[in-house]
Amino acid sequence: MKAITRTLLVLVISATFLKCSSLKKVAFKPKEVYKTNSLIVIQVAENSFKHTSFLQTNDFGNVPCNGLIVRNSNEVIIFDTPTNDSSSEELIKWITGSLHCKINAIIPTHFHDDCLGGLKAFHKNNIPSYAYFKTIELAKKNNYTVPKNSFSDSLILKAGDETVTARFLGEGHTIDNVVGYFAGDNVLFGGCLIKELGASKGYLGDANVKDWSATVERVKKEYPEAKIIVPGHGEHGNQKLLDYTITLFGKQ
């Protein structure tokens, strides 16, 4: 009888330990893993990293601009370049030298400088670039560096064994803004289509303000499982960022 009691006690303790270990794994705490004056990298999930560089603007000052790196099996895919070629070279060097990963692709999520301002550095390093076909048209029109490969509506790529997607779900910040999703960490990169909590409407020079809220509604419907939302500027968060953006542009 005592032997049975001891066995049951061991099983209960083991189950409790496994449950606690599982909870600890889910509750990942974001941490800064790289920082200089021109580039900051924050690990937001086990295999997802927010990169932040800076863009000097006339109306909004020195603006921090986000992108996303997703990783699997020593391969990464990046959404949005840093804002210039030197910061992009710095990011490429960190990924290959510190993460020890191969960069499979760079995906600018719209045509502004905070998305493809450092694209030339990626091309110099023979890294494939992909963009929505309207982004390519607008890059050509504005004499910017042009992504090499185009897609219509959606793109599916692989980082290791994991699927990474980019999709156009409607106009908002620009007529070409796409969002990116990494199922491995349930991370959604909203880019400049999505606002951080408390943000203003920001730059509207190329925006479709009328459709913006409805577009984000579609994003929310398409990715209900997204746990981490990374906006184009500011702090990352959860689905509340989608709700905030919908409300911000809901009444025109």
Protein backbone atom coordinates (compact mmCIF):
# COMPACT_ATOMS: atom_id res chain seq x y z
CA MET A 1 0.00 0.00 0.00
CA LYS A 2 2.80 2.39 0.90
CA ALA A 3 4.52 1.58 -2.41
CA ILE A 4 1.34 2.47 -4.34
CA THR A 5 1.00 5.74 -2.41
CA ARG A 6 4.60 6.67 -3.16
CA THR A 7 4.09 5.86 -6.87
CA LEU A 8 0.96 8.03 -7.02
CA LEU A 9 2.80 10.88 -5.27
CA VAL A 10 5.66 10.69 -7.78
CA LEU A 11 3.18 10.78 -10.67
CA VAL A 12 1.39 13.85 -9.24
CA ILE A 13 4.68 15.69 -8.69
CA SER A 14 5.87 14.80 -12.21
CA ALA A 15 2.62 15.99 -13.78
CA THR A 16 2.80 19.26 -11.82
CA PHE A 17 6.40 19.81 -12.91
CA LEU A 18 5.53 19.18 -16.56
CA LYS A 19 2.58 21.57 -16.36
CA CYS A 20 4.74 24.30 -14.83
CA SER A 21 7.43 23.75 -17.46
CA SER A 22 4.81 24.06 -20.19
CA LEU A 23 3.49 27.33 -18.73
CA LYS A 24 7.00 28.73 -18.53
CA LYS A 25 7.55 27.89 -22.20
CA VAL A 26 4.36 29.72 -23.25
CA ALA A 27 5.09 32.81 -21.17
CA PHE A 28 8.08 34.04 -23.20
CA LYS A 29 9.49 37.31 -21.89
CA PRO A 30 10.64 39.72 -24.65
CA LYS A 31 14.27 40.78 -24.39
CA GLU A 32 16.66 43.12 -26.14
CA VAL A 33 19.35 41.09 -27.89
CA TYR A 34 21.17 43.79 -29.87
CA LYS A 35 21.46 47.57 -29.66
CA THR A 36 23.47 50.35 -31.29
CA ASN A 37 22.58 53.97 -32.07
CA SER A 38 21.20 52.92 -35.44
CA LEU A 39 19.62 49.50 -34.83
CA ILE A 40 17.79 47.69 -32.03
CA VAL A 41 16.68 44.04 -32.07
CA ILE A 42 14.16 42.72 -29.55
CA GLN A 43 13.27 39.04 -29.35
CA VAL A 44 9.48 39.02 -29.01
CA ALA A 45 8.97 35.23 -29.15
CA GLU A 46 11.08 32.08 -29.28
CA ASN A 47 11.88 32.51 -32.98
CA SER A 48 10.68 36.03 -33.79
CA PHE A 49 12.61 39.29 -33.53
CA LYS A 50 11.49 42.89 -33.98
CA HIS A 51 14.16 45.05 -35.61
CA THR A 52 13.97 48.83 -35.18
CA SER A 53 15.89 51.47 -37.12
CA PHE A 54 15.37 55.22 -37.43
CA LEU A 55 14.11 57.63 -40.07
CA GLN A 56 14.57 61.40 -39.83
CA THR A 57 11.38 63.14 -40.98
CA ASN A 58 10.25 66.75 -41.29
CA ASP A 59 6.88 66.29 -39.62
CA PHE A 60 7.48 63.61 -36.98
CA GLY A 61 11.18 63.94 -36.06
CA ASN A 62 13.47 60.92 -35.78
CA VAL A 63 10.98 58.08 -36.11
CA PRO A 64 11.68 54.50 -34.93
CA CYS A 65 10.62 52.05 -37.64
CA ASN A 66 9.94 48.36 -37.07
CA GLY A 67 10.45 45.23 -39.10
CA LEU A 68 10.26 41.54 -38.22
CA ILE A 69 12.68 38.62 -38.44
CA VAL A 70 11.29 35.07 -38.20
CA ARG A 71 13.49 31.99 -37.79
CA ASN A 72 13.37 28.22 -38.17
CA SER A 73 16.19 25.70 -38.61
CA ASN A 74 18.87 28.37 -39.06
CA GLU A 75 16.94 30.12 -41.81
CA VAL A 76 15.19 33.47 -41.54
CA ILE A 77 12.78 35.63 -43.48
CA ILE A 78 12.62 39.37 -42.88
CA PHE A 79 9.68 41.74 -43.22
CA ASP A 80 10.80 45.30 -44.09
CA THR A 81 14.36 46.50 -44.41
CA PRO A 82 15.89 48.93 -41.93
CA THR A 83 15.55 52.53 -43.12
CA ASN A 84 18.88 52.76 -44.97
CA ASP A 85 21.63 50.62 -46.45
CA SER A 86 24.10 50.99 -43.56
CA SER A 87 21.54 49.83 -40.97
CA SER A 88 20.56 47.00 -43.31
CA GLU A 89 24.18 45.87 -43.59
CA GLU A 90 24.34 45.96 -39.79
CA LEU A 91 21.24 43.78 -39.52
CA ILE A 92 22.48 41.31 -42.13
CA LYS A 93 25.80 41.02 -40.30
CA TRP A 94 24.04 40.39 -36.97
CA ILE A 95 21.76 37.71 -38.43
CA THR A 96 24.54 35.82 -40.20
CA GLY A 97 27.19 36.34 -37.50
CA SER A 98 25.23 36.13 -34.23
CA LEU A 99 22.10 34.18 -35.11
CA HIS A 100 24.13 32.03 -37.55
CA CYS A 101 21.21 32.00 -39.97
CA LYS A 102 20.79 32.15 -43.72
CA ILE A 103 18.47 34.91 -44.94
CA ASN A 104 15.99 33.34 -47.36
CA ALA A 105 14.09 36.51 -48.27
CA ILE A 106 13.37 40.15 -47.56
CA ILE A 107 9.74 41.29 -47.97
CA PRO A 108 9.03 45.06 -47.97
CA THR A 109 5.40 45.51 -46.87
CA HIS A 110 4.85 48.76 -48.79
CA PHE A 111 6.82 51.23 -50.87
CA HIS A 112 7.90 53.83 -48.28
CA ASP A 113 11.50 54.30 -47.03
CA ASP A 114 10.75 52.62 -43.71
CA CYS A 115 10.05 49.39 -45.61
CA LEU A 116 12.53 49.29 -48.49
CA GLY A 117 15.00 52.10 -47.74
CA GLY A 118 17.80 49.57 -47.20
CA LEU A 119 16.88 47.19 -50.01
CA LYS A 120 20.05 47.85 -52.00
CA ALA A 121 22.12 46.28 -49.20
CA PHE A 122 20.08 43.08 -49.38
CA HIS A 123 20.51 42.88 -53.13
CA LYS A 124 24.25 43.49 -52.70
CA ASN A 125 24.32 40.42 -50.43
CA ASN A 126 22.37 38.34 -52.99
CA ILE A 127 19.29 38.05 -50.77
CA PRO A 128 16.05 37.49 -52.73
CA SER A 129 13.42 40.22 -52.38
CA TYR A 130 9.66 39.84 -52.77
CA ALA A 131 6.89 42.44 -52.84
CA TYR A 132 3.26 42.92 -53.77
CA PHE A 133 3.04 43.93 -57.43
CA LYS A 134 1.71 47.41 -56.58
CA THR A 135 4.71 47.97 -54.31
CA ILE A 136 6.98 47.23 -57.25
CA GLU A 137 5.02 49.62 -59.47
CA LEU A 138 5.24 52.39 -56.87
CA ALA A 139 8.95 51.78 -56.24
CA LYS A 140 9.61 52.15 -59.96
CA LYS A 141 7.44 55.28 -60.18
CA ASN A 142 9.36 56.94 -57.32
CA ASN A 143 12.82 55.81 -58.52
CA TYR A 144 13.40 53.67 -55.42
CA THR A 145 15.29 50.37 -55.34
CA VAL A 146 12.89 47.83 -56.82
CA PRO A 147 12.20 44.40 -55.27
CA LYS A 148 13.18 41.57 -57.62
CA ASN A 149 10.13 39.30 -57.34
CA SER A 150 6.44 40.19 -57.34
CA PHE A 151 3.31 38.47 -56.08
CA SER A 152 -0.43 39.03 -56.45
CA ASP A 153 -2.57 38.99 -53.30
CA SER A 154 -0.50 36.46 -51.33
CA LEU A 155 2.95 34.92 -50.96
CA ILE A 156 3.99 31.73 -49.16
CA LEU A 157 7.65 31.08 -48.34
CA LYS A 158 9.53 28.70 -46.06
CA ALA A 159 11.96 29.33 -43.23
CA GLY A 160 13.22 25.86 -42.41
CA ASP A 161 10.08 23.76 -41.91
CA GLU A 162 7.81 26.69 -41.07
CA THR A 163 5.50 28.59 -43.40
CA VAL A 164 5.73 32.37 -43.67
CA THR A 165 3.03 34.31 -45.50
CA ALA A 166 2.45 37.82 -46.81
CA ARG A 167 -1.02 38.96 -47.88
CA PHE A 168 -2.74 41.99 -49.31
CA LEU A 169 -6.09 42.37 -47.55
CA GLY A 170 -6.99 45.90 -48.60
CA GLU A 171 -5.82 49.50 -48.67
CA GLY A 172 -5.09 51.63 -45.60
CA HIS A 173 -1.79 53.35 -44.85
CA THR A 174 -1.03 52.96 -48.57
CA ILE A 175 -2.71 51.29 -51.52
CA ASP A 176 -0.10 48.51 -51.43
CA ASN A 177 0.29 47.65 -47.73
CA VAL A 178 0.54 43.92 -46.96
CA VAL A 179 0.77 42.07 -43.66
CA GLY A 180 3.03 39.17 -42.75
CA TYR A 181 2.31 36.12 -40.61
CA PHE A 182 4.54 33.51 -38.97
CA ALA A 183 2.52 30.55 -37.69
CA GLY A 184 5.47 29.15 -35.73
CA ASP A 185 5.09 31.87 -33.09
CA ASN A 186 1.62 33.16 -33.99
CA VAL A 187 3.20 36.52 -34.82
CA LEU A 188 1.54 39.02 -37.15
CA PHE A 189 3.58 41.83 -38.69
CA GLY A 190 1.06 44.55 -39.43
CA GLY A 191 3.55 47.12 -40.66
CA CYS A 192 2.27 50.68 -40.96
CA LEU A 193 -1.28 49.44 -41.50
CA ILE A 194 -1.44 48.74 -37.75
CA LYS A 195 -1.00 51.40 -35.05
CA GLU A 196 0.48 50.97 -31.58
CA LEU A 197 -1.88 51.67 -28.69
CA GLY A 198 -2.36 55.42 -28.21
CA ALA A 199 -0.81 56.37 -31.56
CA SER A 200 -2.10 59.17 -33.78
CA LYS A 201 -3.14 58.56 -37.38
CA GLY A 202 0.37 59.54 -38.51
CA TYR A 203 1.33 60.24 -42.10
CA LEU A 204 -1.68 60.10 -44.43
CA GLY A 205 -0.14 61.39 -47.66
CA ASP A 206 -0.59 58.06 -49.48
CA ALA A 207 -3.42 56.67 -47.37
CA ASN A 208 -6.89 55.37 -48.12
CA VAL A 209 -8.47 56.53 -44.86
CA LYS A 210 -11.94 55.48 -45.97
CA ASP A 211 -11.02 51.78 -46.32
CA TRP A 212 -8.45 51.56 -43.52
CA SER A 213 -10.74 50.30 -40.75
CA ALA A 214 -12.43 47.69 -42.98
CA THR A 215 -9.02 46.41 -44.10
CA VAL A 216 -7.93 45.85 -40.51
CA GLU A 217 -11.25 44.11 -39.82
CA ARG A 218 -10.31 41.65 -42.57
CA VAL A 219 -6.85 41.18 -41.04
CA LYS A 220 -8.44 40.42 -37.67
CA LYS A 221 -10.82 37.91 -39.24
CA GLU A 222 -8.03 36.24 -41.23
CA TYR A 223 -5.65 35.84 -38.27
CA PRO A 224 -7.72 35.23 -35.12
CA GLU A 225 -4.94 33.01 -33.74
CA ALA A 226 -2.32 35.80 -33.81
CA LYS A 227 -0.95 36.28 -30.30
CA ILE A 228 1.70 38.93 -30.98
CA ILE A 229 1.08 41.94 -33.23
CA VAL A 230 4.03 44.04 -34.40
CA PRO A 231 3.12 47.48 -35.82
CA GLY A 232 5.24 49.53 -38.21
CA HIS A 233 6.09 51.98 -35.43
CA GLY A 234 6.10 51.69 -31.66
CA GLU A 235 5.48 48.91 -29.17
CA HIS A 236 4.26 45.46 -30.12
CA GLY A 237 1.25 43.97 -28.37
CA ASN A 238 -1.73 41.69 -28.94
CA GLN A 239 -5.07 41.83 -30.76
CA LYS A 240 -5.86 45.09 -28.97
CA LEU A 241 -3.68 46.84 -31.56
CA LEU A 242 -6.05 45.69 -34.29
CA ASP A 243 -9.07 46.88 -32.31
CA TYR A 244 -7.42 50.22 -31.60
CA THR A 245 -6.60 50.77 -35.29
CA ILE A 246 -10.13 49.82 -36.33
CA THR A 247 -11.57 52.34 -33.88
CA LEU A 248 -9.06 55.06 -34.80
CA PHE A 249 -10.10 55.00 -38.45
CA GLY A 250 -13.69 53.86 -37.91
CA LYS A 251 -15.34 57.29 -38.05
CA GLN A 252 -14.44 59.47 -41.01
